[in-house]
Amino acid sequence: MQKFLRVLESAVLLIVRLGFGALMFIRGWTRLTDGSAVYTARLEAAGLPWPSVFFWGTVILEIGGGVMLACGVLTRLVAAGFAAECVMTILWLHWWNGLSVAAGGWEYAGLMTLLMLVLVGFGGGAMAVDRLLFPHSGRAGARA
């Protein structure tokens, strides 16, 4: 039973990494191709200082971090970066709109934060590049 649970854990972590990584890559690529003017204007209107810096930081994190997360490279660090991005988004853009995502609230970003905290806590699993880079970290065979 323990072996089955370790395999299940790694499979779930792989699915989460692949799905979230792909979605973040697409999100970052969309921001990049739409151009910075659209997003920096929104960030500026929300009162965020240095909107261009935040735009480019977000694009780099979402594109580069999305690929890294999908591959399981530095999973915990990248997931912590995404969690921080989500918390900043909640605090700067969504908190005042309440919970409902339909009203511009923080529901979606909150769920993304929780999902990233799972990867911060458990790592990328046995099917991550992290297992090759850091073979002695985490529980043998399951976590990276």
N, C-alpha and C. Protein backbone atom coordinates (compact mmCIF):
# COMPACT_ATOMS: atom_id res chain seq x y z
N MET A 1 0.82 -1.20 0.00
CA MET A 1 0.00 0.00 0.00
C MET A 1 0.86 1.27 0.00
N GLN A 2 1.96 1.25 0.76
CA GLN A 2 2.85 2.42 0.82
C GLN A 2 3.41 2.75 -0.57
N LYS A 3 3.79 1.73 -1.30
CA LYS A 3 4.34 1.95 -2.64
C LYS A 3 3.29 2.58 -3.55
N PHE A 4 2.06 2.08 -3.48
CA PHE A 4 0.97 2.65 -4.27
C PHE A 4 0.76 4.12 -3.93
N LEU A 5 0.78 4.46 -2.65
CA LEU A 5 0.57 5.85 -2.23
C LEU A 5 1.71 6.75 -2.70
N ARG A 6 2.94 6.25 -2.71
CA ARG A 6 4.08 7.04 -3.21
C ARG A 6 3.93 7.29 -4.71
N VAL A 7 3.53 6.26 -5.45
CA VAL A 7 3.31 6.41 -6.89
C VAL A 7 2.16 7.38 -7.16
N LEU A 8 1.08 7.24 -6.40
CA LEU A 8 -0.06 8.14 -6.55
C LEU A 8 0.35 9.58 -6.24
N GLU A 9 1.11 9.78 -5.17
CA GLU A 9 1.58 11.13 -4.81
C GLU A 9 2.39 11.74 -5.93
N SER A 10 3.33 10.99 -6.47
CA SER A 10 4.16 11.52 -7.55
C SER A 10 3.36 11.77 -8.81
N ALA A 11 2.38 10.92 -9.11
CA ALA A 11 1.54 11.14 -10.29
C ALA A 11 0.71 12.41 -10.14
N VAL A 12 0.14 12.61 -8.96
CA VAL A 12 -0.66 13.82 -8.72
C VAL A 12 0.23 15.05 -8.80
N LEU A 13 1.41 15.00 -8.19
CA LEU A 13 2.32 16.15 -8.26
C LEU A 13 2.74 16.43 -9.69
N LEU A 14 2.95 15.39 -10.49
CA LEU A 14 3.29 15.57 -11.90
C LEU A 14 2.15 16.25 -12.65
N ILE A 15 0.93 15.80 -12.43
CA ILE A 15 -0.23 16.39 -13.11
C ILE A 15 -0.39 17.85 -12.72
N VAL A 16 -0.24 18.15 -11.43
CA VAL A 16 -0.34 19.54 -10.96
C VAL A 16 0.75 20.39 -11.59
N ARG A 17 1.99 19.89 -11.60
CA ARG A 17 3.10 20.65 -12.18
C ARG A 17 2.89 20.90 -13.66
N LEU A 18 2.51 19.86 -14.40
CA LEU A 18 2.31 20.01 -15.85
C LEU A 18 1.17 20.97 -16.15
N GLY A 19 0.06 20.79 -15.47
CA GLY A 19 -1.11 21.64 -15.72
C GLY A 19 -0.86 23.08 -15.35
N PHE A 20 -0.38 23.32 -14.14
CA PHE A 20 -0.15 24.68 -13.69
C PHE A 20 0.96 25.34 -14.50
N GLY A 21 2.03 24.59 -14.76
CA GLY A 21 3.13 25.13 -15.55
C GLY A 21 2.69 25.55 -16.94
N ALA A 22 1.89 24.69 -17.58
CA ALA A 22 1.39 25.02 -18.93
C ALA A 22 0.49 26.24 -18.90
N LEU A 23 -0.40 26.29 -17.92
CA LEU A 23 -1.31 27.45 -17.82
C LEU A 23 -0.54 28.74 -17.57
N MET A 24 0.47 28.70 -16.73
CA MET A 24 1.25 29.91 -16.45
C MET A 24 2.06 30.32 -17.67
N PHE A 25 2.62 29.35 -18.40
CA PHE A 25 3.34 29.67 -19.62
C PHE A 25 2.42 30.38 -20.60
N ILE A 26 1.24 29.81 -20.82
CA ILE A 26 0.28 30.40 -21.76
C ILE A 26 -0.13 31.79 -21.30
N ARG A 27 -0.36 31.94 -20.01
CA ARG A 27 -0.75 33.24 -19.45
C ARG A 27 0.35 34.28 -19.67
N GLY A 28 1.59 33.91 -19.39
CA GLY A 28 2.71 34.82 -19.60
C GLY A 28 2.92 35.15 -21.06
N TRP A 29 2.79 34.14 -21.92
CA TRP A 29 2.96 34.35 -23.36
C TRP A 29 1.87 35.29 -23.89
N THR A 30 0.65 35.13 -23.38
CA THR A 30 -0.45 36.01 -23.79
C THR A 30 -0.16 37.45 -23.38
N ARG A 31 0.33 37.63 -22.17
CA ARG A 31 0.69 38.99 -21.73
C ARG A 31 1.76 39.58 -22.65
N LEU A 32 2.75 38.77 -22.97
CA LEU A 32 3.86 39.23 -23.81
C LEU A 32 3.38 39.61 -25.20
N THR A 33 2.55 38.78 -25.80
CA THR A 33 2.10 39.05 -27.17
C THR A 33 1.05 40.17 -27.22
N ASP A 34 0.28 40.34 -26.15
CA ASP A 34 -0.68 41.45 -26.10
C ASP A 34 0.03 42.79 -25.96
N GLY A 35 1.23 42.77 -25.41
CA GLY A 35 2.00 43.99 -25.21
C GLY A 35 1.86 44.53 -23.81
N SER A 36 2.87 45.22 -23.39
CA SER A 36 2.92 45.69 -22.01
C SER A 36 1.95 46.84 -21.73
N ALA A 37 1.55 47.58 -22.75
CA ALA A 37 0.70 48.76 -22.53
C ALA A 37 -0.61 48.41 -21.84
N VAL A 38 -1.23 47.31 -22.26
CA VAL A 38 -2.51 46.89 -21.69
C VAL A 38 -2.38 46.61 -20.20
N TYR A 39 -1.36 45.85 -19.85
CA TYR A 39 -1.21 45.41 -18.47
C TYR A 39 -0.60 46.49 -17.57
N THR A 40 0.35 47.25 -18.09
CA THR A 40 0.93 48.30 -17.25
C THR A 40 -0.11 49.38 -16.93
N ALA A 41 -1.01 49.66 -17.86
CA ALA A 41 -2.07 50.63 -17.60
C ALA A 41 -2.98 50.13 -16.48
N ARG A 42 -3.30 48.85 -16.50
CA ARG A 42 -4.14 48.27 -15.45
C ARG A 42 -3.43 48.31 -14.09
N LEU A 43 -2.15 47.99 -14.09
CA LEU A 43 -1.39 48.01 -12.83
C LEU A 43 -1.24 49.43 -12.31
N GLU A 44 -1.03 50.37 -13.21
CA GLU A 44 -0.91 51.77 -12.82
C GLU A 44 -2.23 52.29 -12.25
N ALA A 45 -3.33 51.91 -12.88
CA ALA A 45 -4.65 52.33 -12.40
C ALA A 45 -4.95 51.77 -11.01
N ALA A 46 -4.38 50.60 -10.71
CA ALA A 46 -4.58 49.99 -9.39
C ALA A 46 -3.66 50.60 -8.33
N GLY A 47 -2.79 51.51 -8.75
CA GLY A 47 -1.90 52.17 -7.81
C GLY A 47 -0.62 51.43 -7.53
N LEU A 48 -0.30 50.45 -8.33
CA LEU A 48 0.93 49.67 -8.13
C LEU A 48 2.13 50.50 -8.59
N PRO A 49 3.15 50.63 -7.74
CA PRO A 49 4.33 51.38 -8.16
C PRO A 49 5.13 50.58 -9.19
N TRP A 50 5.82 51.25 -10.07
CA TRP A 50 6.66 50.64 -11.10
C TRP A 50 5.91 49.58 -11.90
N PRO A 51 4.83 49.94 -12.56
CA PRO A 51 4.03 48.93 -13.28
C PRO A 51 4.81 48.19 -14.36
N SER A 52 5.75 48.84 -15.02
CA SER A 52 6.55 48.16 -16.05
C SER A 52 7.44 47.08 -15.44
N VAL A 53 8.01 47.37 -14.28
CA VAL A 53 8.86 46.38 -13.60
C VAL A 53 8.02 45.17 -13.20
N PHE A 54 6.85 45.42 -12.65
CA PHE A 54 5.98 44.32 -12.26
C PHE A 54 5.48 43.53 -13.48
N PHE A 55 5.21 44.23 -14.57
CA PHE A 55 4.78 43.54 -15.79
C PHE A 55 5.86 42.58 -16.26
N TRP A 56 7.09 43.08 -16.42
CA TRP A 56 8.16 42.22 -16.93
C TRP A 56 8.53 41.12 -15.94
N GLY A 57 8.48 41.41 -14.67
CA GLY A 57 8.72 40.37 -13.67
C GLY A 57 7.69 39.26 -13.75
N THR A 58 6.44 39.65 -13.95
CA THR A 58 5.36 38.68 -14.08
C THR A 58 5.52 37.84 -15.34
N VAL A 59 5.84 38.48 -16.45
CA VAL A 59 6.02 37.76 -17.71
C VAL A 59 7.17 36.75 -17.60
N ILE A 60 8.28 37.19 -17.03
CA ILE A 60 9.43 36.30 -16.87
C ILE A 60 9.09 35.13 -15.95
N LEU A 61 8.42 35.42 -14.82
CA LEU A 61 8.04 34.37 -13.90
C LEU A 61 7.07 33.39 -14.56
N GLU A 62 6.06 33.91 -15.25
CA GLU A 62 5.04 33.03 -15.82
C GLU A 62 5.57 32.20 -16.97
N ILE A 63 6.40 32.76 -17.83
CA ILE A 63 6.94 31.99 -18.95
C ILE A 63 8.05 31.06 -18.47
N GLY A 64 9.07 31.64 -17.85
CA GLY A 64 10.20 30.82 -17.38
C GLY A 64 9.81 29.88 -16.26
N GLY A 65 9.07 30.40 -15.30
CA GLY A 65 8.64 29.57 -14.17
C GLY A 65 7.67 28.49 -14.59
N GLY A 66 6.82 28.80 -15.58
CA GLY A 66 5.89 27.79 -16.08
C GLY A 66 6.63 26.60 -16.68
N VAL A 67 7.66 26.87 -17.47
CA VAL A 67 8.46 25.79 -18.06
C VAL A 67 9.21 25.03 -16.96
N MET A 68 9.81 25.77 -16.04
CA MET A 68 10.55 25.13 -14.95
C MET A 68 9.64 24.25 -14.09
N LEU A 69 8.46 24.76 -13.78
CA LEU A 69 7.52 24.00 -12.96
C LEU A 69 7.07 22.73 -13.68
N ALA A 70 6.75 22.86 -14.95
CA ALA A 70 6.31 21.68 -15.72
C ALA A 70 7.39 20.61 -15.76
N CYS A 71 8.64 21.03 -15.85
CA CYS A 71 9.75 20.08 -15.88
C CYS A 71 10.17 19.62 -14.48
N GLY A 72 9.74 20.34 -13.48
CA GLY A 72 10.12 19.99 -12.11
C GLY A 72 11.51 20.46 -11.75
N VAL A 73 11.91 21.62 -12.25
CA VAL A 73 13.21 22.21 -11.96
C VAL A 73 13.04 23.28 -10.88
N LEU A 74 13.74 23.10 -9.78
CA LEU A 74 13.64 24.03 -8.63
C LEU A 74 12.17 24.25 -8.25
N THR A 75 11.45 23.16 -8.17
CA THR A 75 10.00 23.20 -7.98
C THR A 75 9.58 24.04 -6.79
N ARG A 76 10.18 23.80 -5.64
CA ARG A 76 9.77 24.52 -4.43
C ARG A 76 10.00 26.02 -4.56
N LEU A 77 11.13 26.39 -5.11
CA LEU A 77 11.46 27.81 -5.27
C LEU A 77 10.52 28.49 -6.26
N VAL A 78 10.28 27.85 -7.39
CA VAL A 78 9.39 28.42 -8.40
C VAL A 78 7.96 28.50 -7.88
N ALA A 79 7.51 27.45 -7.19
CA ALA A 79 6.16 27.45 -6.62
C ALA A 79 6.02 28.56 -5.57
N ALA A 80 7.07 28.80 -4.80
CA ALA A 80 7.04 29.90 -3.82
C ALA A 80 6.94 31.24 -4.55
N GLY A 81 7.62 31.37 -5.68
CA GLY A 81 7.51 32.59 -6.48
C GLY A 81 6.10 32.81 -7.00
N PHE A 82 5.48 31.74 -7.49
CA PHE A 82 4.10 31.85 -7.96
C PHE A 82 3.14 32.16 -6.81
N ALA A 83 3.37 31.55 -5.65
CA ALA A 83 2.52 31.84 -4.48
C ALA A 83 2.65 33.31 -4.09
N ALA A 84 3.87 33.83 -4.11
CA ALA A 84 4.08 35.25 -3.79
C ALA A 84 3.39 36.14 -4.82
N GLU A 85 3.48 35.77 -6.10
CA GLU A 85 2.79 36.55 -7.14
C GLU A 85 1.28 36.56 -6.88
N CYS A 86 0.74 35.42 -6.53
CA CYS A 86 -0.70 35.33 -6.28
C CYS A 86 -1.11 36.16 -5.07
N VAL A 87 -0.33 36.10 -4.01
CA VAL A 87 -0.65 36.90 -2.81
C VAL A 87 -0.58 38.39 -3.14
N MET A 88 0.43 38.79 -3.90
CA MET A 88 0.52 40.20 -4.30
C MET A 88 -0.68 40.61 -5.14
N THR A 89 -1.11 39.71 -6.03
CA THR A 89 -2.28 39.99 -6.86
C THR A 89 -3.52 40.16 -6.00
N ILE A 90 -3.66 39.28 -5.02
CA ILE A 90 -4.81 39.38 -4.11
C ILE A 90 -4.79 40.72 -3.39
N LEU A 91 -3.65 41.06 -2.81
CA LEU A 91 -3.56 42.28 -2.00
C LEU A 91 -3.71 43.56 -2.81
N TRP A 92 -3.12 43.58 -4.01
CA TRP A 92 -3.14 44.80 -4.81
C TRP A 92 -4.37 44.96 -5.69
N LEU A 93 -4.90 43.84 -6.20
CA LEU A 93 -5.94 43.96 -7.22
C LEU A 93 -7.30 43.40 -6.83
N HIS A 94 -7.36 42.37 -6.00
CA HIS A 94 -8.62 41.66 -5.83
C HIS A 94 -9.27 41.75 -4.46
N TRP A 95 -8.51 42.00 -3.42
CA TRP A 95 -9.04 41.92 -2.05
C TRP A 95 -10.29 42.77 -1.85
N TRP A 96 -10.26 43.97 -2.36
CA TRP A 96 -11.35 44.93 -2.10
C TRP A 96 -12.63 44.57 -2.85
N ASN A 97 -12.53 43.63 -3.79
CA ASN A 97 -13.71 43.21 -4.55
C ASN A 97 -14.42 42.02 -3.90
N GLY A 98 -13.91 41.55 -2.78
CA GLY A 98 -14.52 40.42 -2.09
C GLY A 98 -14.03 39.09 -2.63
N LEU A 99 -14.71 38.03 -2.26
CA LEU A 99 -14.28 36.68 -2.60
C LEU A 99 -14.59 36.30 -4.05
N SER A 100 -15.77 36.57 -4.53
CA SER A 100 -16.25 36.06 -5.81
C SER A 100 -15.41 36.50 -6.99
N VAL A 101 -14.93 35.52 -7.75
CA VAL A 101 -14.17 35.82 -8.95
C VAL A 101 -15.04 36.54 -9.98
N ALA A 102 -16.34 36.28 -9.95
CA ALA A 102 -17.26 36.94 -10.89
C ALA A 102 -17.31 38.44 -10.67
N ALA A 103 -17.01 38.87 -9.45
CA ALA A 103 -17.02 40.30 -9.12
C ALA A 103 -15.60 40.87 -9.07
N GLY A 104 -14.63 40.13 -9.63
CA GLY A 104 -13.24 40.60 -9.61
C GLY A 104 -12.56 40.29 -8.30
N GLY A 105 -13.10 39.36 -7.53
CA GLY A 105 -12.57 39.03 -6.21
C GLY A 105 -11.36 38.11 -6.26
N TRP A 106 -10.94 37.68 -5.07
CA TRP A 106 -9.68 36.96 -4.91
C TRP A 106 -9.80 35.44 -4.90
N GLU A 107 -10.95 34.90 -5.17
CA GLU A 107 -11.20 33.46 -5.12
C GLU A 107 -10.19 32.66 -5.96
N TYR A 108 -10.03 32.99 -7.21
CA TYR A 108 -9.14 32.26 -8.13
C TYR A 108 -7.68 32.36 -7.69
N ALA A 109 -7.24 33.56 -7.38
CA ALA A 109 -5.85 33.75 -6.94
C ALA A 109 -5.61 33.04 -5.61
N GLY A 110 -6.61 32.99 -4.76
CA GLY A 110 -6.49 32.27 -3.50
C GLY A 110 -6.32 30.78 -3.72
N LEU A 111 -7.08 30.22 -4.64
CA LEU A 111 -6.94 28.80 -4.96
C LEU A 111 -5.57 28.50 -5.57
N MET A 112 -5.09 29.39 -6.43
CA MET A 112 -3.77 29.20 -7.02
C MET A 112 -2.69 29.25 -5.94
N THR A 113 -2.84 30.14 -4.97
CA THR A 113 -1.88 30.22 -3.87
C THR A 113 -1.85 28.90 -3.10
N LEU A 114 -3.02 28.37 -2.77
CA LEU A 114 -3.08 27.11 -2.04
C LEU A 114 -2.46 25.96 -2.83
N LEU A 115 -2.70 25.93 -4.12
CA LEU A 115 -2.12 24.89 -4.97
C LEU A 115 -0.59 24.99 -4.97
N MET A 116 -0.06 26.19 -5.04
CA MET A 116 1.38 26.37 -5.04
C MET A 116 1.99 26.01 -3.69
N LEU A 117 1.25 26.23 -2.61
CA LEU A 117 1.75 25.85 -1.29
C LEU A 117 1.89 24.32 -1.19
N VAL A 118 1.05 23.58 -1.89
CA VAL A 118 1.20 22.12 -1.94
C VAL A 118 2.55 21.77 -2.56
N LEU A 119 2.92 22.43 -3.66
CA LEU A 119 4.20 22.15 -4.30
C LEU A 119 5.38 22.65 -3.47
N VAL A 120 5.19 23.74 -2.75
CA VAL A 120 6.26 24.20 -1.85
C VAL A 120 6.49 23.14 -0.78
N GLY A 121 5.43 22.58 -0.25
CA GLY A 121 5.54 21.60 0.82
C GLY A 121 6.01 20.23 0.38
N PHE A 122 5.55 19.76 -0.77
CA PHE A 122 5.83 18.39 -1.20
C PHE A 122 6.87 18.30 -2.30
N GLY A 123 7.21 19.40 -2.95
CA GLY A 123 8.16 19.36 -4.04
C GLY A 123 7.53 18.83 -5.31
N GLY A 124 8.35 18.46 -6.27
CA GLY A 124 7.87 18.05 -7.58
C GLY A 124 7.55 16.58 -7.71
N GLY A 125 7.90 15.78 -6.72
CA GLY A 125 7.66 14.35 -6.81
C GLY A 125 8.80 13.61 -7.48
N ALA A 126 8.63 12.30 -7.58
CA ALA A 126 9.69 11.44 -8.13
C ALA A 126 9.90 11.66 -9.62
N MET A 127 8.90 12.21 -10.31
CA MET A 127 9.01 12.41 -11.76
C MET A 127 9.36 13.86 -12.09
N ALA A 128 10.30 14.42 -11.35
CA ALA A 128 10.74 15.80 -11.56
C ALA A 128 12.25 15.82 -11.78
N VAL A 129 12.71 16.78 -12.54
CA VAL A 129 14.14 16.96 -12.76
C VAL A 129 14.85 17.19 -11.43
N ASP A 130 14.15 17.76 -10.46
CA ASP A 130 14.74 17.98 -9.13
C ASP A 130 15.31 16.70 -8.54
N ARG A 131 14.70 15.55 -8.82
CA ARG A 131 15.20 14.27 -8.30
C ARG A 131 16.59 13.97 -8.84
N LEU A 132 16.88 14.43 -10.06
CA LEU A 132 18.22 14.25 -10.63
C LEU A 132 19.19 15.27 -10.06
N LEU A 133 18.72 16.48 -9.85
CA LEU A 133 19.58 17.55 -9.34
C LEU A 133 19.88 17.40 -7.85
N PHE A 134 18.88 16.95 -7.09
CA PHE A 134 19.00 16.84 -5.64
C PHE A 134 18.53 15.45 -5.20
N PRO A 135 19.32 14.41 -5.48
CA PRO A 135 18.85 13.04 -5.24
C PRO A 135 18.62 12.68 -3.77
N HIS A 136 19.21 13.40 -2.85
CA HIS A 136 19.09 13.04 -1.43
C HIS A 136 18.10 13.90 -0.66
N SER A 137 17.35 14.75 -1.36
CA SER A 137 16.39 15.60 -0.65
C SER A 137 15.04 14.90 -0.57
N GLY A 138 14.34 15.12 0.49
CA GLY A 138 13.00 14.57 0.64
C GLY A 138 13.00 13.07 0.91
N ARG A 139 11.84 12.49 0.97
CA ARG A 139 11.66 11.07 1.22
C ARG A 139 12.11 10.29 -0.02
N ALA A 140 12.81 9.22 0.18
CA ALA A 140 13.33 8.42 -0.93
C ALA A 140 12.21 7.98 -1.85
N GLY A 141 12.34 8.31 -3.13
CA GLY A 141 11.40 7.85 -4.15
C GLY A 141 10.16 8.66 -4.33
N ALA A 142 9.87 9.59 -3.44
CA ALA A 142 8.59 10.29 -3.56
C ALA A 142 8.74 11.78 -3.75
N ARG A 143 9.51 12.41 -2.94
CA ARG A 143 9.56 13.88 -2.99
C ARG A 143 10.90 14.38 -3.49
N ALA A 144 10.83 15.55 -4.14
CA ALA A 144 12.07 16.20 -4.59
C ALA A 144 12.05 17.61 -4.11
